[in-house]
Amino acid sequence: MSALVSQLKSLVLKTLDTIYPSDWFRIDANKVVVTSFRGKPYSGNPGRIATALHSIEPDLDIVWLALDPSEPVPEGVRVVKYNSLASYRELATAKVWIDDFRKKYFPRKKVDQIYYQVWHGVLPLKKIELDAAAKLDRMYLAEAKRDGENTDYMLAGNDFTAQVYENAFWFKGQVLRFGTPSLDNIIGAKQADIAHETKRKLGLADTEKVFFLLSDVS
């Protein structure tokens, strides 16, 4: 995408944020709109939550916003293109929003809508968000503040993470200490079972050893 086209798209989306007529659309109490990392494929905490919601309430209308609307999703989930006009309507009519990153463009959130921010980080070991504001660019800071001000609930798996969310996310809602969906099936599981399943997926024998290097580049 050329720089000019990208700038024009950003201008249109920023304008939609301001003028999109959210109040023209009635909220559907049965609809949940889910996003991960600004349009990534079905994954992360949002994906885990969406899958669990469908298993509990099969009749829910679960919408996944993806940059590529042809991305595969589980049964019971439908895909709408991220940052499209259709996505604005889905957000304007959904009872619940779920995301794991800062929303960049979105219509005005109505009083009766609920936004769950299920942040992608698990245990923040470096300064982030407000605690690192001096290193963040002005555009991201504006997006982060707007997102935080619209968030009703955040999800944490431990007290330390909950404290970071309460103090550094421009957020005045409630932190729910209910766990971390993307890790809950690992924590508490038998290590031998995890090792066996991981090696099976990698095509390795149980006798082989695996070394993982997880780096955080910022």
C-alpha atoms as a PDB file:
ATOM      1  CA  MET A   1       0.000   0.000   0.000  1.00  0.00           C
ATOM      2  CA  SER A   2       1.467   3.362  -0.995  1.00  0.00           C
ATOM      3  CA  ALA A   3       2.089   6.021   1.634  1.00  0.00           C
ATOM      4  CA  LEU A   4      -0.586   8.266   0.077  1.00  0.00           C
ATOM      5  CA  VAL A   5      -3.234   5.539   0.097  1.00  0.00           C
ATOM      6  CA  SER A   6      -2.330   4.642   3.680  1.00  0.00           C
ATOM      7  CA  GLN A   7      -2.660   8.267   4.775  1.00  0.00           C
ATOM      8  CA  LEU A   8      -6.012   8.628   3.025  1.00  0.00           C
ATOM      9  CA  LYS A   9      -7.296   5.456   4.678  1.00  0.00           C
ATOM     10  CA  SER A  10      -6.195   6.714   8.095  1.00  0.00           C
ATOM     11  CA  LEU A  11      -7.949  10.025   7.475  1.00  0.00           C
ATOM     12  CA  VAL A  12     -11.180   8.277   6.486  1.00  0.00           C
ATOM     13  CA  LEU A  13     -11.085   6.012   9.548  1.00  0.00           C
ATOM     14  CA  LYS A  14     -10.356   8.914  11.899  1.00  0.00           C
ATOM     15  CA  THR A  15     -13.308  10.756  10.382  1.00  0.00           C
ATOM     16  CA  LEU A  16     -15.531   7.708  10.866  1.00  0.00           C
ATOM     17  CA  ASP A  17     -14.512   7.580  14.527  1.00  0.00           C
ATOM     18  CA  THR A  18     -16.019  11.034  14.899  1.00  0.00           C
ATOM     19  CA  ILE A  19     -19.063  11.001  12.645  1.00  0.00           C
ATOM     20  CA  TYR A  20     -20.144   7.349  12.518  1.00  0.00           C
ATOM     21  CA  PRO A  21     -23.818   7.364  13.626  1.00  0.00           C
ATOM     22  CA  SER A  22     -23.624   4.655  16.290  1.00  0.00           C
ATOM     23  CA  ASP A  23     -26.893   5.761  17.854  1.00  0.00           C
ATOM     24  CA  TRP A  24     -28.759   4.882  14.655  1.00  0.00           C
ATOM     25  CA  PHE A  25     -28.167   1.205  15.364  1.00  0.00           C
ATOM     26  CA  ARG A  26     -29.780  -0.856  18.083  1.00  0.00           C
ATOM     27  CA  ILE A  27     -27.515  -2.966  20.283  1.00  0.00           C
ATOM     28  CA  ASP A  28     -27.850  -6.706  19.745  1.00  0.00           C
ATOM     29  CA  ALA A  29     -27.571  -8.284  23.205  1.00  0.00           C
ATOM     30  CA  ASN A  30     -26.560 -11.562  21.556  1.00  0.00           C
ATOM     31  CA  LYS A  31     -23.569 -10.188  19.631  1.00  0.00           C
ATOM     32  CA  VAL A  32     -19.888 -10.216  20.638  1.00  0.00           C
ATOM     33  CA  VAL A  33     -17.184  -8.626  18.473  1.00  0.00           C
ATOM     34  CA  VAL A  34     -13.682 -10.004  18.994  1.00  0.00           C
ATOM     35  CA  THR A  35     -10.316  -8.749  17.724  1.00  0.00           C
ATOM     36  CA  SER A  36      -6.654  -9.650  18.247  1.00  0.00           C
ATOM     37  CA  PHE A  37      -3.702  -7.357  17.531  1.00  0.00           C
ATOM     38  CA  ARG A  38      -5.545  -5.123  15.078  1.00  0.00           C
ATOM     39  CA  GLY A  39      -6.775  -7.800  12.708  1.00  0.00           C
ATOM     40  CA  LYS A  40      -4.638 -10.874  13.292  1.00  0.00           C
ATOM     41  CA  PRO A  41      -5.994 -14.365  12.550  1.00  0.00           C
ATOM     42  CA  TYR A  42      -8.011 -16.238  15.170  1.00  0.00           C
ATOM     43  CA  SER A  43      -5.618 -16.492  18.117  1.00  0.00           C
ATOM     44  CA  GLY A  44      -4.540 -15.357  21.584  1.00  0.00           C
ATOM     45  CA  ASN A  45      -6.702 -14.630  24.589  1.00  0.00           C
ATOM     46  CA  PRO A  46      -9.568 -13.359  22.390  1.00  0.00           C
ATOM     47  CA  GLY A  47      -9.606 -16.595  20.389  1.00  0.00           C
ATOM     48  CA  ARG A  48      -9.677 -18.727  23.522  1.00  0.00           C
ATOM     49  CA  ILE A  49     -12.500 -16.658  24.962  1.00  0.00           C
ATOM     50  CA  ALA A  50     -14.517 -16.760  21.734  1.00  0.00           C
ATOM     51  CA  THR A  51     -14.180 -20.548  21.572  1.00  0.00           C
ATOM     52  CA  ALA A  52     -15.281 -20.897  25.195  1.00  0.00           C
ATOM     53  CA  LEU A  53     -18.225 -18.532  24.678  1.00  0.00           C
ATOM     54  CA  HIS A  54     -19.473 -20.586  21.748  1.00  0.00           C
ATOM     55  CA  SER A  55     -19.261 -23.796  23.776  1.00  0.00           C
ATOM     56  CA  ILE A  56     -21.240 -22.211  26.604  1.00  0.00           C
ATOM     57  CA  GLU A  57     -23.734 -20.242  24.470  1.00  0.00           C
ATOM     58  CA  PRO A  58     -23.877 -21.756  20.947  1.00  0.00           C
ATOM     59  CA  ASP A  59     -26.479 -19.206  19.835  1.00  0.00           C
ATOM     60  CA  LEU A  60     -24.227 -16.194  20.397  1.00  0.00           C
ATOM     61  CA  ASP A  61     -23.388 -14.161  17.303  1.00  0.00           C
ATOM     62  CA  ILE A  62     -19.574 -14.074  17.588  1.00  0.00           C
ATOM     63  CA  VAL A  63     -17.820 -11.808  15.078  1.00  0.00           C
ATOM     64  CA  TRP A  64     -14.058 -11.974  14.504  1.00  0.00           C
ATOM     65  CA  LEU A  65     -12.516  -8.892  12.865  1.00  0.00           C
ATOM     66  CA  ALA A  66      -9.578  -9.876  10.629  1.00  0.00           C
ATOM     67  CA  LEU A  67      -7.459  -8.091   8.053  1.00  0.00           C
ATOM     68  CA  ASP A  68      -7.983 -11.143   5.839  1.00  0.00           C
ATOM     69  CA  PRO A  69     -11.682 -12.101   5.944  1.00  0.00           C
ATOM     70  CA  SER A  70     -10.847 -15.479   4.391  1.00  0.00           C
ATOM     71  CA  GLU A  71      -8.969 -16.513   7.543  1.00  0.00           C
ATOM     72  CA  PRO A  72     -10.305 -19.804   8.958  1.00  0.00           C
ATOM     73  CA  VAL A  73     -12.260 -19.623  12.205  1.00  0.00           C
ATOM     74  CA  PRO A  74     -14.016 -22.266  14.302  1.00  0.00           C
ATOM     75  CA  GLU A  75     -17.648 -23.167  13.830  1.00  0.00           C
ATOM     76  CA  GLY A  76     -19.945 -20.605  15.392  1.00  0.00           C
ATOM     77  CA  VAL A  77     -17.726 -17.624  14.514  1.00  0.00           C
ATOM     78  CA  ARG A  78     -18.061 -15.395  11.464  1.00  0.00           C
ATOM     79  CA  VAL A  79     -15.357 -13.136  10.049  1.00  0.00           C
ATOM     80  CA  VAL A  80     -15.711  -9.489   9.022  1.00  0.00           C
ATOM     81  CA  LYS A  81     -12.886  -7.434   7.542  1.00  0.00           C
ATOM     82  CA  TYR A  82     -11.043  -5.372  10.121  1.00  0.00           C
ATOM     83  CA  ASN A  83     -11.325  -1.572   9.731  1.00  0.00           C
ATOM     84  CA  SER A  84     -14.051  -1.894   7.092  1.00  0.00           C
ATOM     85  CA  LEU A  85     -17.348  -0.020   7.096  1.00  0.00           C
ATOM     86  CA  ALA A  86     -18.989  -3.346   7.939  1.00  0.00           C
ATOM     87  CA  SER A  87     -16.744  -3.681  11.005  1.00  0.00           C
ATOM     88  CA  TYR A  88     -17.940  -0.298  12.267  1.00  0.00           C
ATOM     89  CA  ARG A  89     -21.530  -1.508  12.082  1.00  0.00           C
ATOM     90  CA  GLU A  90     -20.640  -4.723  13.903  1.00  0.00           C
ATOM     91  CA  LEU A  91     -18.971  -2.725  16.686  1.00  0.00           C
ATOM     92  CA  ALA A  92     -21.855  -0.255  16.847  1.00  0.00           C
ATOM     93  CA  THR A  93     -24.404  -3.044  17.292  1.00  0.00           C
ATOM     94  CA  ALA A  94     -22.503  -5.484  19.544  1.00  0.00           C
ATOM     95  CA  LYS A  95     -23.233  -5.751  23.244  1.00  0.00           C
ATOM     96  CA  VAL A  96     -19.639  -6.799  24.002  1.00  0.00           C
ATOM     97  CA  TRP A  97     -16.221  -5.933  22.561  1.00  0.00           C
ATOM     98  CA  ILE A  98     -13.172  -8.104  23.275  1.00  0.00           C
ATOM     99  CA  ASP A  99      -9.634  -7.147  22.256  1.00  0.00           C
ATOM    100  CA  ASP A 100      -6.037  -7.861  23.335  1.00  0.00           C
ATOM    101  CA  PHE A 101      -4.400  -4.700  21.989  1.00  0.00           C
ATOM    102  CA  ARG A 102      -5.191  -1.005  21.754  1.00  0.00           C
ATOM    103  CA  LYS A 103      -8.044  -0.272  19.395  1.00  0.00           C
ATOM    104  CA  LYS A 104      -6.886   2.266  16.827  1.00  0.00           C
ATOM    105  CA  TYR A 105     -10.155   3.074  15.077  1.00  0.00           C
ATOM    106  CA  PHE A 106     -13.622   2.386  16.439  1.00  0.00           C
ATOM    107  CA  PRO A 107     -17.029   4.067  16.590  1.00  0.00           C
ATOM    108  CA  ARG A 108     -18.202   5.848  19.701  1.00  0.00           C
ATOM    109  CA  LYS A 109     -18.923   3.274  22.400  1.00  0.00           C
ATOM    110  CA  LYS A 110     -22.419   3.494  23.833  1.00  0.00           C
ATOM    111  CA  VAL A 111     -23.246   3.399  27.545  1.00  0.00           C
ATOM    112  CA  ASP A 112     -24.861  -0.026  27.332  1.00  0.00           C
ATOM    113  CA  GLN A 113     -21.904  -1.617  25.545  1.00  0.00           C
ATOM    114  CA  ILE A 114     -19.168  -3.474  27.444  1.00  0.00           C
ATOM    115  CA  TYR A 115     -15.507  -3.542  26.455  1.00  0.00           C
ATOM    116  CA  TYR A 116     -13.208  -6.277  27.803  1.00  0.00           C
ATOM    117  CA  GLN A 117      -9.519  -5.561  27.252  1.00  0.00           C
ATOM    118  CA  VAL A 118      -7.755  -8.942  27.613  1.00  0.00           C
ATOM    119  CA  TRP A 119      -4.226  -7.642  27.126  1.00  0.00           C
ATOM    120  CA  HIS A 120      -1.764  -9.924  25.319  1.00  0.00           C
ATOM    121  CA  GLY A 121       0.927  -9.641  27.987  1.00  0.00           C
ATOM    122  CA  VAL A 122       1.041 -12.143  30.837  1.00  0.00           C
ATOM    123  CA  LEU A 123       3.608 -10.830  33.336  1.00  0.00           C
ATOM    124  CA  PRO A 124       4.887  -7.377  32.359  1.00  0.00           C
ATOM    125  CA  LEU A 125       8.569  -7.437  33.286  1.00  0.00           C
ATOM    126  CA  LYS A 126       9.356  -4.130  31.606  1.00  0.00           C
ATOM    127  CA  LYS A 127       7.760  -0.719  31.823  1.00  0.00           C
ATOM    128  CA  ILE A 128       4.759  -0.424  29.527  1.00  0.00           C
ATOM    129  CA  GLU A 129       2.061   2.062  28.633  1.00  0.00           C
ATOM    130  CA  LEU A 130       1.878   4.980  31.113  1.00  0.00           C
ATOM    131  CA  ASP A 131       5.031   3.777  32.878  1.00  0.00           C
ATOM    132  CA  ALA A 132       6.893   4.070  29.566  1.00  0.00           C
ATOM    133  CA  ALA A 133       5.062   7.114  28.227  1.00  0.00           C
ATOM    134  CA  ALA A 134       8.257   9.063  27.588  1.00  0.00           C
ATOM    135  CA  LYS A 135       9.319   6.448  25.011  1.00  0.00           C
ATOM    136  CA  LEU A 136       5.960   6.143  23.231  1.00  0.00           C
ATOM    137  CA  ASP A 137       5.025   8.298  20.244  1.00  0.00           C
ATOM    138  CA  ARG A 138       2.210  10.812  20.556  1.00  0.00           C
ATOM    139  CA  MET A 139      -0.121   8.982  18.188  1.00  0.00           C
ATOM    140  CA  TYR A 140       0.082   5.747  20.159  1.00  0.00           C
ATOM    141  CA  LEU A 141      -0.370   7.611  23.441  1.00  0.00           C
ATOM    142  CA  ALA A 142      -3.587   9.174  22.134  1.00  0.00           C
ATOM    143  CA  GLU A 143      -4.831   5.764  20.990  1.00  0.00           C
ATOM    144  CA  ALA A 144      -3.907   4.147  24.306  1.00  0.00           C
ATOM    145  CA  LYS A 145      -5.675   6.808  26.357  1.00  0.00           C
ATOM    146  CA  ARG A 146      -8.832   6.598  24.251  1.00  0.00           C
ATOM    147  CA  ASP A 147      -8.831   2.810  24.442  1.00  0.00           C
ATOM    148  CA  GLY A 148      -8.245   2.850  28.201  1.00  0.00           C
ATOM    149  CA  GLU A 149     -10.989   5.370  28.816  1.00  0.00           C
ATOM    150  CA  ASN A 150     -13.451   3.149  26.945  1.00  0.00           C
ATOM    151  CA  THR A 151     -12.423  -0.097  28.669  1.00  0.00           C
ATOM    152  CA  ASP A 152     -14.800  -1.491  31.280  1.00  0.00           C
ATOM    153  CA  TYR A 153     -12.875  -4.596  32.364  1.00  0.00           C
ATOM    154  CA  MET A 154      -9.363  -6.003  32.103  1.00  0.00           C
ATOM    155  CA  LEU A 155      -8.326  -9.592  32.714  1.00  0.00           C
ATOM    156  CA  ALA A 156      -5.335 -10.586  34.859  1.00  0.00           C
ATOM    157  CA  GLY A 157      -3.866 -13.890  35.990  1.00  0.00           C
ATOM    158  CA  ASN A 158      -1.988 -12.552  39.010  1.00  0.00           C
ATOM    159  CA  ASP A 159      -1.928  -9.639  41.443  1.00  0.00           C
ATOM    160  CA  PHE A 160       1.219  -8.047  39.984  1.00  0.00           C
ATOM    161  CA  THR A 161      -0.285  -7.847  36.495  1.00  0.00           C
ATOM    162  CA  ALA A 162      -3.532  -6.529  37.916  1.00  0.00           C
ATOM    163  CA  GLN A 163      -1.640  -3.725  39.666  1.00  0.00           C
ATOM    164  CA  VAL A 164       0.107  -2.745  36.421  1.00  0.00           C
ATOM    165  CA  TYR A 165      -3.246  -2.601  34.616  1.00  0.00           C
ATOM    166  CA  GLU A 166      -4.774  -0.477  37.370  1.00  0.00           C
ATOM    167  CA  ASN A 167      -1.885   2.005  37.418  1.00  0.00           C
ATOM    168  CA  ALA A 168      -0.559   2.208  33.865  1.00  0.00           C
ATOM    169  CA  PHE A 169      -3.414   1.740  31.388  1.00  0.00           C
ATOM    170  CA  TRP A 170      -5.455   4.974  31.645  1.00  0.00           C
ATOM    171  CA  PHE A 171      -8.187   2.690  32.879  1.00  0.00           C
ATOM    172  CA  LYS A 172     -10.779   3.265  35.608  1.00  0.00           C
ATOM    173  CA  GLY A 173     -12.742   0.054  35.259  1.00  0.00           C
ATOM    174  CA  GLN A 174     -12.380  -3.238  37.113  1.00  0.00           C
ATOM    175  CA  VAL A 175      -9.604  -5.810  36.799  1.00  0.00           C
ATOM    176  CA  LEU A 176     -10.990  -9.341  36.838  1.00  0.00           C
ATOM    177  CA  ARG A 177      -8.516 -11.806  38.362  1.00  0.00           C
ATOM    178  CA  PHE A 178      -9.821 -14.778  36.418  1.00  0.00           C
ATOM    179  CA  GLY A 179      -6.623 -16.012  34.786  1.00  0.00           C
ATOM    180  CA  THR A 180      -4.998 -15.841  31.358  1.00  0.00           C
ATOM    181  CA  PRO A 181      -6.984 -17.784  28.727  1.00  0.00           C
ATOM    182  CA  SER A 182      -4.017 -18.527  26.457  1.00  0.00           C
ATOM    183  CA  LEU A 183      -2.112 -20.097  29.380  1.00  0.00           C
ATOM    184  CA  ASP A 184      -4.804 -21.599  31.578  1.00  0.00           C
ATOM    185  CA  ASN A 185      -4.602 -24.994  29.861  1.00  0.00           C
ATOM    186  CA  ILE A 186      -0.851 -25.096  30.535  1.00  0.00           C
ATOM    187  CA  ILE A 187      -0.593 -23.865  34.109  1.00  0.00           C
ATOM    188  CA  GLY A 188      -1.432 -26.748  36.421  1.00  0.00           C
ATOM    189  CA  ALA A 189      -1.051 -29.364  33.698  1.00  0.00           C
ATOM    190  CA  LYS A 190       1.491 -32.164  34.071  1.00  0.00           C
ATOM    191  CA  GLN A 191       4.881 -31.135  32.668  1.00  0.00           C
ATOM    192  CA  ALA A 192       5.433 -34.543  31.091  1.00  0.00           C
ATOM    193  CA  ASP A 193       2.157 -34.262  29.189  1.00  0.00           C
ATOM    194  CA  ILE A 194       3.046 -30.780  27.933  1.00  0.00           C
ATOM    195  CA  ALA A 195       6.507 -31.932  26.828  1.00  0.00           C
ATOM    196  CA  HIS A 196       5.093 -34.963  25.021  1.00  0.00           C
ATOM    197  CA  GLU A 197       2.436 -32.953  23.182  1.00  0.00           C
ATOM    198  CA  THR A 198       4.897 -30.193  22.224  1.00  0.00           C
ATOM    199  CA  LYS A 199       7.387 -32.694  20.812  1.00  0.00           C
ATOM    200  CA  ARG A 200       4.610 -34.508  18.954  1.00  0.00           C
ATOM    201  CA  LYS A 201       3.587 -31.266  17.246  1.00  0.00           C
ATOM    202  CA  LEU A 202       7.228 -30.587  16.349  1.00  0.00           C
ATOM    203  CA  GLY A 203       7.662 -34.078  14.953  1.00  0.00           C
ATOM    204  CA  LEU A 204      10.260 -35.024  17.576  1.00  0.00           C
ATOM    205  CA  ALA A 205      10.775 -38.173  19.606  1.00  0.00           C
ATOM    206  CA  ASP A 206      10.201 -38.086  23.371  1.00  0.00           C
ATOM    207  CA  THR A 207      13.923 -38.737  23.904  1.00  0.00           C
ATOM    208  CA  GLU A 208      14.968 -35.597  22.044  1.00  0.00           C
ATOM    209  CA  LYS A 209      15.557 -32.330  23.896  1.00  0.00           C
ATOM    210  CA  VAL A 210      14.198 -28.927  22.872  1.00  0.00           C
ATOM    211  CA  PHE A 211      15.602 -25.518  23.753  1.00  0.00           C
ATOM    212  CA  PHE A 212      13.341 -22.469  23.366  1.00  0.00           C
ATOM    213  CA  LEU A 213      14.686 -18.928  23.231  1.00  0.00           C
ATOM    214  CA  LEU A 214      11.991 -16.321  23.833  1.00  0.00           C
ATOM    215  CA  SER A 215      13.201 -12.802  23.204  1.00  0.00           C
ATOM    216  CA  ASP A 216      11.327  -9.565  23.715  1.00  0.00           C
ATOM    217  CA  VAL A 217      12.533  -6.962  21.220  1.00  0.00           C
ATOM    218  CA  SER A 218      11.257  -3.446  21.812  1.00  0.00           C
END
